Structures are given as C-alpha cells and as structure tokens.
Amino acid sequence: MSIYPDTDLLVGGQWRSGGAGVLDVVNPATEEVIGKLAKAGRQDLDDALQAVAAGFDAWRRTSAYERAALMRKAADLLAARVEEIAPVLTMEQGKPLQQARNEVNSAVEVIRWFAEEAMRAYGRIIPARAPDVVQNVIKEPVGPVAAFTPWNFPINQAVLKISAALAAGCSIIVKGPEETPASCAALVKAFADAGLPDGSINLLYGVPSEISSYLIASPIIRKVSFTGSTAVGKLLAEQAGKYMKRITLELGGHAPVLVFDDADVEGAAKVMARLKFYNSGQICIAPTRFMVQEKAYDNFVADFENQVSKLKLGNGLEADVTMGPLANDRRLSAMAELTEDAVKHGGKLLTGGERVGNRGNFFAPTILLETDPAAKIQNDEPFGPVALVSRFRTAEEAISEANRLPFGLAAYAFTRSAKTMNDLSDHVETGMLSINHAGLALPETPFGGVKDSGYGMEGGAEGIEAYLQPKFVTRKLF
C-alpha cells in the first residue's frame, strides 16, 4: 500500500516548494490530515510562465513522430505505476480502490489515443482558381495553455487537457486540484519522467482565483481550458474574452434519464444505478433526473432500489467497498440540505437521505420519488449520491422536461423503438446522448456539453482541434 506523499510544484522541469507556504490535504474517509501541498506564490507563477514559453519553443519544434513516442513512453510509465497511484487517489479523494485503478488505466488509454492523433493532425490543399497558385491550410499549435482541473477526477480530467495540448505541440501549465493533488502530480510526473523538454508541462497549486486571473491575463498564455462549475466557468470565459484567449469549458450538468415502457427496465436500472453512484455521484455526467414512463415506473423503482441496496459504503481502501465518502464536508452539507428541501416539496424519501456515521463524509445512497420540479435539487446539480425518479406519459412530455434546465451535458435513454431513438437524437438538447447503455467518456469519443454545460469538446478527434490554429497559405509560383 502506498504512503501518501507531500506534493510539490513542477516548474521548468524542476519539482520545488511553493513561495506561499503549504496547504493541508485531508482524507475524506477519516477526516485526518494526510499530507502537505506546496502553495504557489507570485514568483512561482512568473517562473511558470517563462518556463511554459520556453517549453513551447522546444516542444513545437519536436516532430509529431517524436511527440507521439514520448507520449507513449509517458503512458507506459503511468501504466507501470497503477498500483502505486491508485491508493493515493483513494486516500485523497475517497473513491473505492478499484475505481481509482480504473481512473489511472483510463488515463493511460487517453494518452495513447492522443499520441496517435499527434501524427494525424493533417492540413489540407484547397484547389486553386489559377494553375500557378497553390493554396494550403496548415494546422499549427495555438501556443502555451493554462488548464484548470477539478477534484472529482483529478487524473482523468487533467489527462484530457494535457494529452490534447501536447499532441498538438502546445506547452501547458496545469493548475491542479488542491483537495486531490498527489494523484494529479503523479500523472504529470509520468510525462516529466518520459523526457519531455523542460517547461513543456508545468504544475501549480494555490489559490485558484489568483492563479487563474494571473495566468489568463498573461500574453504568454494563448489557450485556456477549464473543468468545473458553471458559475466559475462563466467568470473565466469573461476573463478569457477580455484578453482574446481561446477557451474550452466543461461545466456542470443535471443529466436526465428517459426510460420508456418498451425498454429493458431491469437492465436500465442496473446500468444506471452503477453509474449514478459511481464516485459517490460526484460525476458531471451522473444520471440524476430519472423520468420513467407510466407502465414501466413501478418495476423500474423496484429494480433500481434493489441495485442500490447492494452498494457497500465505506473507506475506499477496504475490500468490497463500492461507494466511498464524499470528497469534502461541503458536499455532505449540500446533500443534507437538498434532500430536506426535496421532502418539503413533496418528494418521497424511498431510501437514504442522511449522513452515515460521525466520522468521514459518508452519505447514504438516496432515492427520492416524485419531487416537485420547484425543488432546489430539481434545478441545481446535486453532484452527489441522490437520484430523483418521476413519471411521464408521452415522449413529448419527457423531452420537454429533459430540456427544461439550462444544462446540456449528458442525457440517457432506454427504449427499443428506433423512432423514439431518432426523436431523442433530434430533440434532446445535450452534448452527449447515450441510448440503452452507458457509452460516454471513452478516449476516442468527444466529451462536452451545450447551453450552460460548456463550450467545446474534449476527447476524440475533436479534442485536439481546440489546440490547433489553422493558417491559410496561398502561393503564386514563378
């Protein structure tokens, strides 16, 4: 079992302490301080900016073939360290050990996918109107990147930004999550140990608002990527717009699940229960608003409750635990408040709804039935282990409710009807729609939302495009 390490900053190829002191890292299962985190000061930020500029000059001149080779080496190093990193991730974030292993292994796949994309960032030739003119579109790296990553998936959210940026030839500063820093640092270390040029990847921690405003304002940074809340995302978008910086935003969600009468109801309950309570529901694409057609309603509720009853809540390092604590006490308070408000708005508490024990941030997996749409939880992303189940009569009614909120990140549906599938594809306002299975967040598929859930895509062939700048070159030959 790994010992939890203290975490330093990485600036210009050197691991170092921070100029603003240290922060505590707390285990959410035990509420104990388990490590220290270096906190960046102003000089660290200035040094990181100079380093990322120098790193860009070196990395952009590195051939796509060599970039891909170095990325594959980083993936191999990360794969070899899974059993070292996974317990660290569990200790700082709370998720069960197997889920932590899954996260590291998924990151390995992401790096390998983008290593291949590095060699396939093609330009194109545009047929000219004159025989002595040649017209090309060249795709160039946009420049140094500032990336801001969250605590719920400290490896997988960072790896999408890092891998796409590096594949495109960009250098990057990662502002990692202060609550879950060591696993993110382990990911960055795999890239550094692979032999990337100094400064091509840098890692900072500290006061998020201070770091983001300083980096975004710098003329060195040409691209911003953020994963987190909608409120913070809008603030960063405003700052990026002020300085004419490109930005990709992966923000909050409140995913609807539409279960139709003709669906495999038992299968839907099994798949969605697993996804809903994965990482204690702290997933931006977590299914939350379950809408079930009338004839299927009773069977779905019974099957879903049965699946939830099989969850084992506990410290993620313990054997057979399938759901760990919430990552921080803020989420614990939020779950209690949202559940209480839902009950006041007519919601029937079928199971859960309360803190478990008096040590650690454990909250019971919760199912609420027929909560009024006016309830806070029906409008604000709960980001925790609470599922809302209600009835619908017609497909039109279900689609209208699915589209009611300003969010549009992920949506799910279960039906055997090809017509219904087509109608959902056409009319549900979402960046990602998964029908009859949980098929999102694979390395080769795009990931992102619409409306208040963000702007742009990460992952898949689309993921690298945000880090590439098309340049049109037209030449008249002598």
Protein backbone atom coordinates (compact mmCIF):
# COMPACT_ATOMS: atom_id res chain seq x y z
CA MET A 1 0.00 0.00 0.00
CA SER A 2 1.31 3.43 -0.94
CA ILE A 3 2.19 6.05 1.63
CA TYR A 4 0.56 9.38 0.87
CA PRO A 5 3.23 11.78 -0.44
CA ASP A 6 3.60 15.50 0.02
CA THR A 7 3.13 17.34 -3.27
CA ASP A 8 5.42 19.94 -4.84
CA LEU A 9 5.08 22.25 -7.84
CA LEU A 10 6.69 21.44 -11.19
CA VAL A 11 8.17 24.49 -12.92
CA GLY A 12 10.58 24.32 -15.84
CA GLY A 13 11.37 20.66 -15.26
CA GLN A 14 12.14 21.10 -11.54
CA TRP A 15 10.00 19.98 -8.61
CA ARG A 16 10.01 22.72 -5.97
CA SER A 17 8.30 24.06 -2.87
CA GLY A 18 5.87 26.96 -3.19
CA GLY A 19 6.58 30.54 -2.35
CA ALA A 20 3.31 30.94 -0.42
CA GLY A 21 3.73 28.11 2.08
CA VAL A 22 1.79 24.85 2.25
CA LEU A 23 -1.79 23.58 2.37
CA ASP A 24 -3.14 20.54 4.22
CA VAL A 25 -4.54 17.53 2.36
CA VAL A 26 -7.36 15.71 4.20
CA ASN A 27 -8.57 12.13 3.80
CA PRO A 28 -12.38 12.39 3.40
CA ALA A 29 -12.92 8.93 4.91
CA THR A 30 -11.08 9.66 8.15
CA GLU A 31 -11.00 13.49 8.26
CA GLU A 32 -7.28 13.24 9.06
CA VAL A 33 -4.56 15.41 7.54
CA ILE A 34 -2.51 13.02 5.40
CA GLY A 35 -0.12 15.33 3.57
CA LYS A 36 1.11 18.77 2.66
CA LEU A 37 0.78 20.64 -0.62
CA ALA A 38 3.06 23.36 -1.94
CA LYS A 39 1.23 26.64 -2.50
CA ALA A 40 2.38 28.82 -5.38
CA GLY A 41 3.28 32.46 -4.87
CA ARG A 42 3.64 35.24 -7.43
CA GLN A 43 7.23 34.32 -8.27
CA ASP A 44 6.19 30.72 -8.94
CA LEU A 45 3.58 31.97 -11.40
CA ASP A 46 6.09 34.21 -13.18
CA ASP A 47 8.61 31.39 -13.36
CA ALA A 48 5.97 29.00 -14.70
CA LEU A 49 5.01 31.48 -17.42
CA GLN A 50 8.60 31.87 -18.52
CA ALA A 51 9.05 28.11 -18.42
CA VAL A 52 5.94 27.36 -20.47
CA ALA A 53 7.05 29.91 -23.09
CA ALA A 54 10.47 28.26 -23.38
CA GLY A 55 8.83 24.86 -23.33
CA PHE A 56 6.61 25.84 -26.24
CA ASP A 57 9.57 26.92 -28.34
CA ALA A 58 11.16 23.49 -27.82
CA TRP A 59 8.05 21.32 -27.99
CA ARG A 60 6.54 22.87 -31.11
CA ARG A 61 9.79 22.10 -32.96
CA THR A 62 9.67 18.49 -31.83
CA SER A 63 8.35 16.34 -34.69
CA ALA A 64 4.91 14.82 -34.38
CA TYR A 65 6.55 11.40 -34.59
CA GLU A 66 8.81 12.14 -31.61
CA ARG A 67 6.00 13.80 -29.64
CA ALA A 68 3.94 10.65 -30.09
CA ALA A 69 6.85 8.46 -28.96
CA LEU A 70 7.38 10.50 -25.79
CA MET A 71 3.66 10.43 -25.02
CA ARG A 72 3.58 6.65 -25.43
CA LYS A 73 6.52 6.43 -23.03
CA ALA A 74 4.59 8.54 -20.50
CA ALA A 75 1.61 6.18 -20.90
CA ASP A 76 3.84 3.17 -20.28
CA LEU A 77 5.27 4.77 -17.13
CA LEU A 78 1.79 5.59 -15.85
CA ALA A 79 0.61 2.02 -16.57
CA ALA A 80 3.52 0.62 -14.59
CA ARG A 81 2.61 2.80 -11.59
CA VAL A 82 -1.11 1.98 -11.32
CA GLU A 83 -0.79 0.09 -8.03
CA GLU A 84 1.30 2.90 -6.59
CA ILE A 85 -1.00 5.74 -7.68
CA ALA A 86 -4.46 4.21 -7.11
CA PRO A 87 -4.27 4.05 -3.28
CA VAL A 88 -3.04 7.65 -3.22
CA LEU A 89 -6.07 8.70 -5.27
CA THR A 90 -8.38 6.80 -2.92
CA MET A 91 -6.82 8.36 0.18
CA GLU A 92 -7.22 11.93 -1.05
CA GLN A 93 -10.50 11.67 -2.99
CA GLY A 94 -12.38 8.82 -1.32
CA LYS A 95 -13.39 6.69 -4.30
CA PRO A 96 -13.09 2.89 -3.96
CA LEU A 97 -9.71 1.45 -4.86
CA GLN A 98 -10.95 -0.31 -7.98
CA GLN A 99 -12.48 2.92 -9.27
CA ALA A 100 -9.14 4.61 -8.64
CA ARG A 101 -7.40 1.89 -10.66
CA ASN A 102 -9.96 2.39 -13.42
CA GLU A 103 -9.18 6.10 -13.50
CA VAL A 104 -5.45 5.58 -13.88
CA ASN A 105 -5.91 2.91 -16.54
CA SER A 106 -8.33 5.14 -18.43
CA ALA A 107 -5.72 7.92 -18.41
CA VAL A 108 -3.23 5.52 -19.97
CA GLU A 109 -5.68 4.91 -22.81
CA VAL A 110 -6.25 8.64 -23.29
CA ILE A 111 -2.53 9.36 -23.60
CA ARG A 112 -2.07 6.55 -26.11
CA TRP A 113 -5.05 7.77 -28.15
CA PHE A 114 -3.75 11.33 -28.39
CA ALA A 115 -0.24 10.10 -29.15
CA GLU A 116 -1.70 8.68 -32.35
CA GLU A 117 -3.65 11.90 -33.00
CA ALA A 118 -0.37 13.83 -32.84
CA MET A 119 0.66 12.17 -36.10
CA ARG A 120 -2.68 12.78 -37.78
CA ALA A 121 -3.28 16.49 -37.28
CA TYR A 122 -3.46 16.98 -41.02
CA GLY A 123 -3.76 20.20 -43.00
CA ARG A 124 -5.30 20.28 -46.47
CA ILE A 125 -4.85 21.57 -50.01
CA ILE A 126 -7.57 23.79 -51.48
CA PRO A 127 -7.91 23.61 -55.28
CA ALA A 128 -6.90 26.98 -56.68
CA ARG A 129 -8.61 29.01 -59.41
CA ALA A 130 -5.38 29.55 -61.28
CA PRO A 131 -2.85 26.92 -62.41
CA ASP A 132 0.13 28.76 -60.88
CA VAL A 133 -1.38 29.14 -57.39
CA VAL A 134 -1.06 26.68 -54.51
CA GLN A 135 -3.39 27.02 -51.51
CA ASN A 136 -2.71 25.22 -48.22
CA VAL A 137 -4.27 25.11 -44.78
CA ILE A 138 -1.61 24.39 -42.16
CA LYS A 139 -2.58 23.45 -38.60
CA GLU A 140 -0.22 24.94 -36.02
CA PRO A 141 -0.24 24.65 -32.20
CA VAL A 142 -2.14 27.58 -30.76
CA GLY A 143 0.50 28.25 -28.09
CA PRO A 144 1.03 27.83 -24.33
CA VAL A 145 -2.05 26.57 -22.47
CA ALA A 146 -3.40 27.22 -18.97
CA ALA A 147 -5.55 24.31 -17.78
CA PHE A 148 -7.67 24.22 -14.63
CA THR A 149 -8.78 20.82 -13.37
CA PRO A 150 -11.25 19.58 -10.69
CA TRP A 151 -11.02 17.30 -7.67
CA ASN A 152 -13.60 14.65 -8.62
CA PHE A 153 -11.41 13.02 -11.30
CA PRO A 154 -8.00 14.57 -10.66
CA ILE A 155 -6.26 12.30 -13.18
CA ASN A 156 -8.85 11.83 -15.90
CA GLN A 157 -9.85 15.47 -16.23
CA ALA A 158 -6.24 16.63 -16.33
CA VAL A 159 -5.12 13.97 -18.79
CA LEU A 160 -7.61 15.06 -21.46
CA LYS A 161 -6.23 18.60 -21.43
CA ILE A 162 -2.57 17.60 -21.14
CA SER A 163 -2.72 14.94 -23.85
CA ALA A 164 -4.58 17.06 -26.40
CA ALA A 165 -2.31 20.04 -25.81
CA LEU A 166 0.91 18.05 -26.07
CA ALA A 167 -0.30 16.13 -29.12
CA ALA A 168 -0.95 19.44 -30.88
CA GLY A 169 2.51 20.76 -29.99
CA CYS A 170 1.40 23.12 -27.23
CA SER A 171 3.12 23.51 -23.87
CA ILE A 172 0.92 23.62 -20.78
CA ILE A 173 0.57 24.87 -17.22
CA VAL A 174 -1.81 22.69 -15.21
CA LYS A 175 -3.43 24.23 -12.15
CA GLY A 176 -4.26 21.01 -10.33
CA PRO A 177 -6.94 20.43 -7.66
CA GLU A 178 -5.82 21.41 -4.17
CA GLU A 179 -8.03 18.83 -2.45
CA THR A 180 -6.72 15.91 -4.52
CA PRO A 181 -3.22 16.97 -5.58
CA ALA A 182 -0.92 13.95 -5.35
CA SER A 183 -2.62 11.80 -7.98
CA CYS A 184 -2.63 14.69 -10.47
CA ALA A 185 1.06 15.22 -9.70
CA ALA A 186 1.70 11.52 -10.35
CA LEU A 187 0.17 11.93 -13.80
CA VAL A 188 2.33 14.97 -14.55
CA LYS A 189 5.39 13.13 -13.24
CA ALA A 190 4.88 10.37 -15.80
CA PHE A 191 5.15 12.97 -18.58
CA ALA A 192 8.15 14.66 -16.99
CA ASP A 193 9.91 11.32 -16.47
CA ALA A 194 9.27 10.38 -20.09
CA GLY A 195 11.75 13.06 -21.13
CA LEU A 196 9.62 15.92 -22.42
CA PRO A 197 11.52 19.20 -22.80
CA ASP A 198 11.69 21.25 -19.60
CA GLY A 199 8.77 23.65 -19.40
CA SER A 200 6.56 21.78 -21.84
CA ILE A 201 4.48 20.65 -18.86
CA ASN A 202 4.22 22.54 -15.55
CA LEU A 203 2.11 22.03 -12.45
CA LEU A 204 0.85 24.62 -9.96
CA TYR A 205 -1.36 24.65 -6.86
CA GLY A 206 -2.53 27.52 -4.69
CA VAL A 207 -5.44 29.97 -4.57
CA PRO A 208 -7.48 29.10 -7.68
CA SER A 209 -8.89 32.58 -8.35
CA GLU A 210 -5.47 34.22 -8.01
CA ILE A 211 -3.75 31.72 -10.28
CA SER A 212 -6.45 31.77 -12.95
CA SER A 213 -6.69 35.56 -13.19
CA TYR A 214 -2.91 35.93 -13.35
CA LEU A 215 -2.32 33.26 -15.96
CA ILE A 216 -5.23 34.24 -18.20
CA ALA A 217 -4.11 37.87 -18.23
CA SER A 218 -0.57 36.96 -19.30
CA PRO A 219 0.18 37.48 -23.02
CA ILE A 220 2.17 34.23 -22.91
CA ILE A 221 -0.97 32.12 -22.46
CA ARG A 222 -2.91 31.65 -25.69
CA LYS A 223 -5.43 28.99 -24.74
CA VAL A 224 -7.49 28.23 -21.61
CA SER A 225 -9.23 25.00 -20.63
CA PHE A 226 -11.42 24.63 -17.54
CA THR A 227 -13.49 21.87 -15.99
CA GLY A 228 -15.68 22.80 -13.05
CA SER A 229 -18.81 24.66 -12.06
CA THR A 230 -20.88 26.73 -14.45
CA ALA A 231 -20.53 29.85 -12.26
CA VAL A 232 -16.72 29.72 -12.27
CA GLY A 233 -16.66 28.76 -15.95
CA LYS A 234 -18.61 31.88 -16.90
CA LEU A 235 -16.22 34.01 -14.87
CA LEU A 236 -13.18 32.52 -16.62
CA ALA A 237 -14.86 32.88 -20.01
CA GLU A 238 -15.33 36.57 -19.29
CA GLN A 239 -11.66 36.93 -18.37
CA ALA A 240 -10.53 34.96 -21.43
CA GLY A 241 -12.74 37.07 -23.67
CA LYS A 242 -11.22 40.25 -22.29
CA TYR A 243 -7.80 39.07 -23.46
CA MET A 244 -8.98 37.34 -26.65
CA LYS A 245 -7.98 33.89 -25.45
CA ARG A 246 -9.43 30.68 -26.77
CA ILE A 247 -11.30 28.74 -24.10
CA THR A 248 -12.79 25.28 -23.70
CA LEU A 249 -15.30 24.82 -20.88
CA GLU A 250 -16.62 21.55 -19.48
CA LEU A 251 -19.12 22.65 -16.85
CA GLY A 252 -21.98 21.37 -14.74
CA GLY A 253 -24.74 19.01 -15.73
CA HIS A 254 -28.03 17.62 -14.45
CA ALA A 255 -28.42 14.59 -16.65
CA PRO A 256 -31.91 13.32 -17.48
CA VAL A 257 -32.64 9.62 -17.94
CA LEU A 258 -35.69 8.71 -20.03
CA VAL A 259 -36.94 5.14 -19.51
CA PHE A 260 -39.73 4.17 -21.88
CA ASP A 261 -42.37 1.46 -21.46
CA ASP A 262 -40.73 -0.73 -24.11
CA ALA A 263 -37.28 -0.61 -22.51
CA ASP A 264 -35.34 -3.39 -20.83
CA VAL A 265 -36.32 -1.96 -17.46
CA GLU A 266 -34.24 -4.29 -15.31
CA GLY A 267 -31.18 -3.70 -17.48
CA ALA A 268 -31.71 0.07 -17.37
CA ALA A 269 -31.93 0.03 -13.59
CA LYS A 270 -28.73 -2.00 -13.29
CA VAL A 271 -26.70 0.18 -15.67
CA MET A 272 -27.94 3.48 -14.30
CA ALA A 273 -27.60 2.55 -10.62
CA ARG A 274 -23.96 1.70 -11.18
CA LEU A 275 -23.30 4.99 -13.00
CA LYS A 276 -25.40 7.15 -10.67
CA PHE A 277 -23.47 6.13 -7.55
CA TYR A 278 -20.04 5.75 -9.15
CA ASN A 279 -17.62 8.05 -7.33
CA SER A 280 -20.49 8.74 -4.88
CA GLY A 281 -22.38 10.57 -7.63
CA GLN A 282 -19.63 13.19 -7.96
CA ILE A 283 -19.56 13.00 -11.75
CA CYS A 284 -20.61 15.75 -14.11
CA ILE A 285 -22.34 13.19 -16.36
CA ALA A 286 -24.03 11.37 -13.46
CA PRO A 287 -27.64 10.38 -14.27
CA THR A 288 -29.85 12.28 -11.86
CA ARG A 289 -33.34 13.12 -13.15
CA PHE A 290 -34.92 9.74 -13.89
CA MET A 291 -38.12 10.04 -15.91
CA VAL A 292 -39.94 6.74 -16.31
CA GLN A 293 -42.97 6.09 -18.46
CA GLU A 294 -46.07 5.09 -16.51
CA LYS A 295 -46.26 1.37 -17.28
CA ALA A 296 -42.58 0.85 -16.50
CA TYR A 297 -42.48 3.05 -13.40
CA ASP A 298 -43.18 0.56 -10.60
CA ASN A 299 -40.84 -2.10 -11.99
CA PHE A 300 -38.06 0.43 -12.52
CA VAL A 301 -38.32 1.80 -8.99
CA ALA A 302 -38.23 -1.71 -7.51
CA ASP A 303 -35.28 -2.80 -9.67
CA PHE A 304 -33.38 0.43 -9.04
CA GLU A 305 -33.88 0.23 -5.27
CA ASN A 306 -32.70 -3.39 -5.36
CA GLN A 307 -29.48 -2.36 -7.11
CA VAL A 308 -28.89 0.47 -4.66
CA SER A 309 -29.36 -1.87 -1.70
CA LYS A 310 -26.33 -3.86 -2.89
CA LEU A 311 -23.94 -0.91 -2.55
CA LYS A 312 -21.38 -1.16 0.23
CA LEU A 313 -20.50 2.20 1.75
CA GLY A 314 -17.12 2.63 3.43
CA ASN A 315 -13.47 3.59 3.23
CA GLY A 316 -12.38 3.09 -0.35
CA LEU A 317 -9.27 1.19 0.76
CA GLU A 318 -11.36 -1.55 2.37
CA ALA A 319 -12.21 -4.71 0.47
CA ASP A 320 -15.54 -4.91 -1.37
CA VAL A 321 -16.44 -1.25 -0.78
CA THR A 322 -18.36 0.03 -3.82
CA MET A 323 -19.12 3.59 -2.67
CA GLY A 324 -16.78 5.83 -0.71
CA PRO A 325 -17.24 9.12 1.13
CA LEU A 326 -18.00 12.45 -0.45
CA ALA A 327 -14.79 14.30 -1.22
CA ASN A 328 -15.33 17.14 1.26
CA ASP A 329 -17.66 18.30 4.00
CA ARG A 330 -19.20 20.90 1.68
CA ARG A 331 -20.77 18.13 -0.38
CA LEU A 332 -22.03 16.45 2.79
CA SER A 333 -23.86 19.57 3.90
CA ALA A 334 -25.21 20.15 0.40
CA MET A 335 -26.70 16.63 0.20
CA ALA A 336 -28.47 17.04 3.53
CA GLU A 337 -29.88 20.44 2.58
CA LEU A 338 -31.01 19.35 -0.89
CA THR A 339 -32.69 16.21 0.44
CA GLU A 340 -34.52 18.12 3.18
CA ASP A 341 -35.75 20.69 0.66
CA ALA A 342 -36.91 17.94 -1.73
CA VAL A 343 -39.00 16.31 1.00
CA LYS A 344 -40.55 19.71 1.79
CA HIS A 345 -41.52 19.89 -1.88
CA GLY A 346 -43.43 16.61 -1.76
CA GLY A 347 -40.61 14.20 -2.52
CA LYS A 348 -40.97 10.72 -1.06
CA LEU A 349 -37.74 9.52 0.51
CA LEU A 350 -37.51 5.89 -0.58
CA THR A 351 -34.07 5.19 0.84
CA GLY A 352 -31.05 7.04 2.28
CA GLY A 353 -31.17 10.77 2.81
CA GLU A 354 -28.80 11.00 5.75
CA ARG A 355 -25.21 11.05 6.86
CA VAL A 356 -23.79 7.67 7.85
CA GLY A 357 -21.61 7.61 10.99
CA ASN A 358 -19.98 10.58 12.67
CA ARG A 359 -16.52 10.35 11.11
CA GLY A 360 -15.81 10.89 7.45
CA ASN A 361 -18.01 12.41 4.75
CA PHE A 362 -20.30 9.42 4.26
CA PHE A 363 -23.80 10.00 2.91
CA ALA A 364 -26.20 7.15 2.23
CA PRO A 365 -27.19 6.45 -1.41
CA THR A 366 -30.53 8.19 -1.74
CA ILE A 367 -33.64 7.78 -3.90
CA LEU A 368 -36.35 10.44 -3.97
CA LEU A 369 -39.69 9.84 -5.73
CA GLU A 370 -41.99 12.40 -7.37
CA THR A 371 -40.20 15.52 -6.16
CA ASP A 372 -41.83 18.75 -7.30
CA PRO A 373 -39.97 20.49 -10.17
CA ALA A 374 -39.76 23.58 -7.99
CA ALA A 375 -37.47 21.83 -5.51
CA LYS A 376 -33.90 23.07 -5.48
CA ILE A 377 -32.49 19.64 -6.32
CA GLN A 378 -34.61 19.51 -9.47
CA ASN A 379 -32.89 22.64 -10.73
CA ASP A 380 -29.37 22.63 -9.26
CA GLU A 381 -26.85 19.89 -9.94
CA PRO A 382 -26.65 17.82 -6.72
CA PHE A 383 -23.20 16.37 -7.51
CA GLY A 384 -23.72 13.58 -5.02
CA PRO A 385 -25.44 10.22 -4.41
CA VAL A 386 -29.06 11.33 -4.88
CA ALA A 387 -31.37 10.03 -7.63
CA LEU A 388 -34.72 11.65 -8.48
CA VAL A 389 -37.42 9.43 -10.03
CA SER A 390 -40.67 10.69 -11.56
CA ARG A 391 -43.27 9.56 -14.10
CA PHE A 392 -44.11 10.71 -17.61
CA ARG A 393 -46.83 9.83 -20.10
CA THR A 394 -45.64 10.81 -23.57
CA ALA A 395 -42.28 11.17 -25.26
CA GLU A 396 -43.00 14.84 -25.89
CA GLU A 397 -43.59 15.41 -22.19
CA ALA A 398 -40.33 13.63 -21.30
CA ILE A 399 -38.26 15.54 -23.85
CA SER A 400 -39.74 18.83 -22.66
CA GLU A 401 -38.73 18.05 -19.08
CA ALA A 402 -35.28 16.88 -20.18
CA ASN A 403 -34.73 20.23 -21.92
CA ARG A 404 -36.24 22.37 -19.15
CA LEU A 405 -32.97 23.21 -17.43
CA PRO A 406 -30.18 25.39 -18.82
CA PHE A 407 -27.78 22.43 -18.62
CA GLY A 408 -26.99 20.18 -21.57
CA LEU A 409 -24.00 17.96 -20.85
CA ALA A 410 -25.19 14.35 -20.88
CA ALA A 411 -28.50 12.53 -21.30
CA TYR A 412 -29.52 8.89 -21.25
CA ALA A 413 -32.46 6.95 -22.62
CA PHE A 414 -33.72 3.38 -22.74
CA THR A 415 -36.09 2.20 -25.46
CA ARG A 416 -36.40 -0.48 -28.11
CA SER A 417 -38.10 1.85 -30.60
CA ALA A 418 -35.98 3.11 -33.50
CA LYS A 419 -38.39 6.00 -33.99
CA THR A 420 -38.04 7.05 -30.35
CA MET A 421 -34.25 6.85 -30.63
CA ASN A 422 -34.34 9.12 -33.68
CA ASP A 423 -36.70 11.58 -31.98
CA LEU A 424 -34.43 11.75 -28.94
CA SER A 425 -31.36 12.26 -31.13
CA ASP A 426 -33.08 15.14 -32.88
CA HIS A 427 -34.73 16.90 -29.96
CA VAL A 428 -32.86 16.36 -26.68
CA GLU A 429 -30.63 19.39 -26.08
CA THR A 430 -27.38 17.83 -24.95
CA GLY A 431 -23.76 17.49 -25.94
CA MET A 432 -23.84 13.72 -25.41
CA LEU A 433 -26.68 11.21 -25.60
CA SER A 434 -26.29 7.55 -24.63
CA ILE A 435 -29.14 5.19 -25.53
CA ASN A 436 -29.55 1.72 -23.97
CA HIS A 437 -26.13 1.72 -22.32
CA ALA A 438 -23.57 3.92 -20.55
CA GLY A 439 -21.35 4.75 -23.51
CA LEU A 440 -19.76 8.10 -22.67
CA ALA A 441 -16.24 9.30 -21.79
CA LEU A 442 -14.15 6.95 -23.92
CA PRO A 443 -10.81 8.24 -25.27
CA GLU A 444 -11.98 8.03 -28.87
CA THR A 445 -15.30 9.84 -28.32
CA PRO A 446 -15.95 13.58 -27.92
CA PHE A 447 -16.86 14.86 -24.46
CA GLY A 448 -18.59 18.17 -23.81
CA GLY A 449 -21.87 20.00 -23.45
CA VAL A 450 -24.13 22.75 -24.74
CA LYS A 451 -26.00 25.64 -23.11
CA ASP A 452 -24.73 26.27 -19.56
CA SER A 453 -22.83 22.99 -19.59
CA GLY A 454 -19.95 24.41 -21.54
CA TYR A 455 -18.32 25.13 -24.82
CA GLY A 456 -16.15 22.88 -26.98
CA MET A 457 -15.26 19.22 -26.84
CA GLU A 458 -12.54 17.19 -25.17
CA GLY A 459 -11.66 13.66 -26.23
CA GLY A 460 -11.92 12.01 -29.62
CA ALA A 461 -10.76 13.55 -32.86
CA GLU A 462 -12.49 16.77 -31.80
CA GLY A 463 -10.33 17.05 -28.69
CA ILE A 464 -7.14 18.14 -30.43
CA GLU A 465 -8.81 20.74 -32.65
CA ALA A 466 -9.15 23.31 -29.85
CA TYR A 467 -5.35 23.33 -29.53
CA LEU A 468 -4.66 23.83 -33.25
CA GLN A 469 -4.75 27.11 -35.17
CA PRO A 470 -5.47 26.85 -38.91
CA LYS A 471 -3.21 29.00 -41.05
CA PHE A 472 -4.09 29.66 -44.69
CA VAL A 473 -1.10 29.95 -47.03
CA THR A 474 -1.55 30.87 -50.70
CA ARG A 475 1.45 30.92 -53.06
CA LYS A 476 1.74 32.07 -56.62
CA LEU A 477 4.52 30.18 -58.38
CA PHE A 478 7.02 31.83 -60.73
